[in-house]
Amino acid sequence: MQEHPLDHARRWLQQALDDCAVADELCNEGRYNVACFLAQQSAGKAVKGLLYWRKGDYPRLHAIGTLLEELRAADASLAERLREAAALDAYYLSTRYPDALDGGLPLGSFFEKEARLAIERTRDVLGVVEGALT
């Protein structure tokens, strides 16, 4: 039997919530680049869950901005409430690859304030998604 789209979306949200909690733990440990990356991934998973619920599928990509454009076609007001999440896309590559930043490594290029902001934005996304799925 195929899983109901709402149940499937809630599973994506559950994983996103756990990823955000781990991002917070990593931030507390001073692993700011990884915390930023995981915050981006968490928000992306939450939006993918919404897309699955609203459209029955989601694109197999990691750009939150693109995911929000897909969501806009199904629910423009919900996509608008999540628009600031697209800023998290800045952490997809730059936080992981040694050649993504000019002359620097990701492990020394991100700081607590930035990681906390990324996690806060992600929590905002998770709250909106959780409210939409209830």
Protein backbone atom coordinates (compact mmCIF):
# COMPACT_ATOMS: atom_id res chain seq x y z
CA MET A 1 0.00 0.00 0.00
CA GLN A 2 1.30 3.44 -0.93
CA GLU A 3 1.88 5.93 1.86
CA HIS A 4 -0.55 8.85 2.06
CA PRO A 5 1.08 12.09 0.79
CA LEU A 6 0.50 13.86 4.12
CA ASP A 7 2.16 11.01 6.05
CA HIS A 8 5.06 11.08 3.60
CA ALA A 9 5.42 14.84 4.07
CA ARG A 10 5.42 14.42 7.84
CA ARG A 11 8.25 11.88 7.58
CA TRP A 12 10.32 14.42 5.64
CA LEU A 13 9.53 17.01 8.31
CA GLN A 14 10.55 14.61 11.08
CA GLN A 15 13.94 14.09 9.43
CA ALA A 16 14.29 17.84 8.89
CA LEU A 17 13.60 18.49 12.58
CA ASP A 18 16.28 15.99 13.57
CA ASP A 19 18.77 17.51 11.12
CA CYS A 20 18.13 20.96 12.58
CA ALA A 21 18.75 19.63 16.10
CA VAL A 22 22.06 18.16 14.94
CA ALA A 23 22.96 21.48 13.27
CA ASP A 24 22.40 23.17 16.63
CA GLU A 25 24.64 20.62 18.38
CA LEU A 26 27.36 21.15 15.78
CA CYS A 27 27.12 24.91 16.25
CA ASN A 28 27.55 24.45 20.00
CA GLU A 29 30.71 22.44 19.23
CA GLY A 30 32.11 25.21 17.01
CA ARG A 31 31.55 23.32 13.75
CA TYR A 32 29.97 26.34 12.12
CA ASN A 33 30.43 25.42 8.47
CA VAL A 34 28.81 22.02 8.95
CA ALA A 35 26.03 23.54 11.05
CA CYS A 36 25.25 25.98 8.22
CA PHE A 37 25.23 23.18 5.66
CA LEU A 38 22.97 20.97 7.76
CA ALA A 39 20.61 23.89 8.38
CA GLN A 40 20.30 24.32 4.61
CA GLN A 41 19.66 20.61 4.15
CA SER A 42 17.07 20.59 6.92
CA ALA A 43 15.09 23.44 5.40
CA GLY A 44 15.28 21.78 1.99
CA LYS A 45 13.87 18.53 3.35
CA ALA A 46 10.98 20.36 4.97
CA VAL A 47 10.13 22.12 1.70
CA LYS A 48 10.38 18.82 -0.20
CA GLY A 49 7.87 17.34 2.22
CA LEU A 50 5.50 20.22 1.50
CA LEU A 51 5.95 19.76 -2.22
CA TYR A 52 5.17 16.07 -1.95
CA TRP A 53 2.02 16.84 -0.02
CA ARG A 54 0.88 19.64 -2.33
CA LYS A 55 2.02 18.24 -5.68
CA GLY A 56 2.66 14.54 -5.17
CA ASP A 57 6.37 14.85 -5.98
CA TYR A 58 9.40 17.11 -5.65
CA PRO A 59 12.45 17.81 -7.79
CA ARG A 60 15.56 15.81 -6.94
CA LEU A 61 17.75 18.82 -6.22
CA HIS A 62 18.94 20.81 -3.24
CA ALA A 63 18.32 24.44 -4.18
CA ILE A 64 15.68 25.78 -1.82
CA GLY A 65 15.00 28.72 -4.13
CA THR A 66 14.08 26.34 -6.94
CA LEU A 67 11.98 24.20 -4.59
CA LEU A 68 10.09 27.32 -3.52
CA GLU A 69 9.37 28.19 -7.15
CA GLU A 70 7.85 24.73 -7.54
CA LEU A 71 5.81 25.28 -4.38
CA ARG A 72 4.64 28.68 -5.64
CA ALA A 73 2.72 26.93 -8.43
CA ALA A 74 0.82 24.87 -5.86
CA ASP A 75 0.50 27.36 -3.00
CA ALA A 76 1.76 30.90 -3.62
CA SER A 77 0.99 32.20 -0.13
CA LEU A 78 2.88 29.35 1.54
CA ALA A 79 5.84 29.84 -0.80
CA GLU A 80 5.83 33.55 0.03
CA ARG A 81 5.95 32.82 3.77
CA LEU A 82 9.05 30.68 3.13
CA ARG A 83 10.85 32.98 0.67
CA GLU A 84 13.66 33.94 3.07
CA ALA A 85 14.69 30.28 3.23
CA ALA A 86 16.28 30.68 -0.21
CA ALA A 87 19.12 32.59 1.49
CA LEU A 88 20.21 29.26 2.99
CA ASP A 89 21.29 28.10 -0.48
CA ALA A 90 24.51 30.06 0.07
CA TYR A 91 25.59 27.24 2.41
CA TYR A 92 25.15 24.33 0.04
CA LEU A 93 28.62 24.40 -1.57
CA SER A 94 30.63 27.01 0.28
CA THR A 95 30.46 25.14 3.58
CA ARG A 96 31.87 21.89 2.24
CA TYR A 97 34.41 22.21 -0.53
CA PRO A 98 37.96 23.54 -0.12
CA ASP A 99 37.84 25.17 -3.56
CA ALA A 100 34.47 26.89 -3.05
CA LEU A 101 35.99 29.89 -1.27
CA ASP A 102 38.82 32.01 -2.63
CA GLY A 103 41.86 31.13 -0.55
CA GLY A 104 40.03 29.79 2.46
CA LEU A 105 38.74 26.55 3.82
CA PRO A 106 35.14 26.12 4.89
CA LEU A 107 36.21 25.03 8.37
CA GLY A 108 37.66 28.45 9.16
CA SER A 109 35.37 30.67 7.13
CA PHE A 110 32.07 30.45 9.01
CA PHE A 111 31.34 31.81 12.46
CA GLU A 112 28.87 31.34 15.27
CA LYS A 113 26.67 34.33 14.44
CA GLU A 114 26.21 33.11 10.87
CA ALA A 115 25.50 29.54 11.96
CA ARG A 116 22.95 30.71 14.55
CA LEU A 117 21.21 32.81 11.91
CA ALA A 118 21.09 29.85 9.51
CA ILE A 119 19.60 27.64 12.24
CA GLU A 120 17.08 30.36 13.16
CA ARG A 121 15.98 30.66 9.52
CA THR A 122 15.65 26.91 9.34
CA ARG A 123 13.56 26.81 12.50
CA ASP A 124 11.27 29.42 10.93
CA VAL A 125 10.87 27.17 7.88
CA LEU A 126 10.19 24.14 10.08
CA GLY A 127 7.54 26.05 12.01
CA VAL A 128 5.73 27.13 8.85
CA VAL A 129 5.89 23.61 7.41
CA GLU A 130 4.76 22.02 10.66
CA GLY A 131 1.80 24.40 10.78
CA ALA A 132 0.88 23.61 7.19
CA LEU A 133 0.99 19.85 7.80
CA THR A 134 -1.31 19.88 10.85
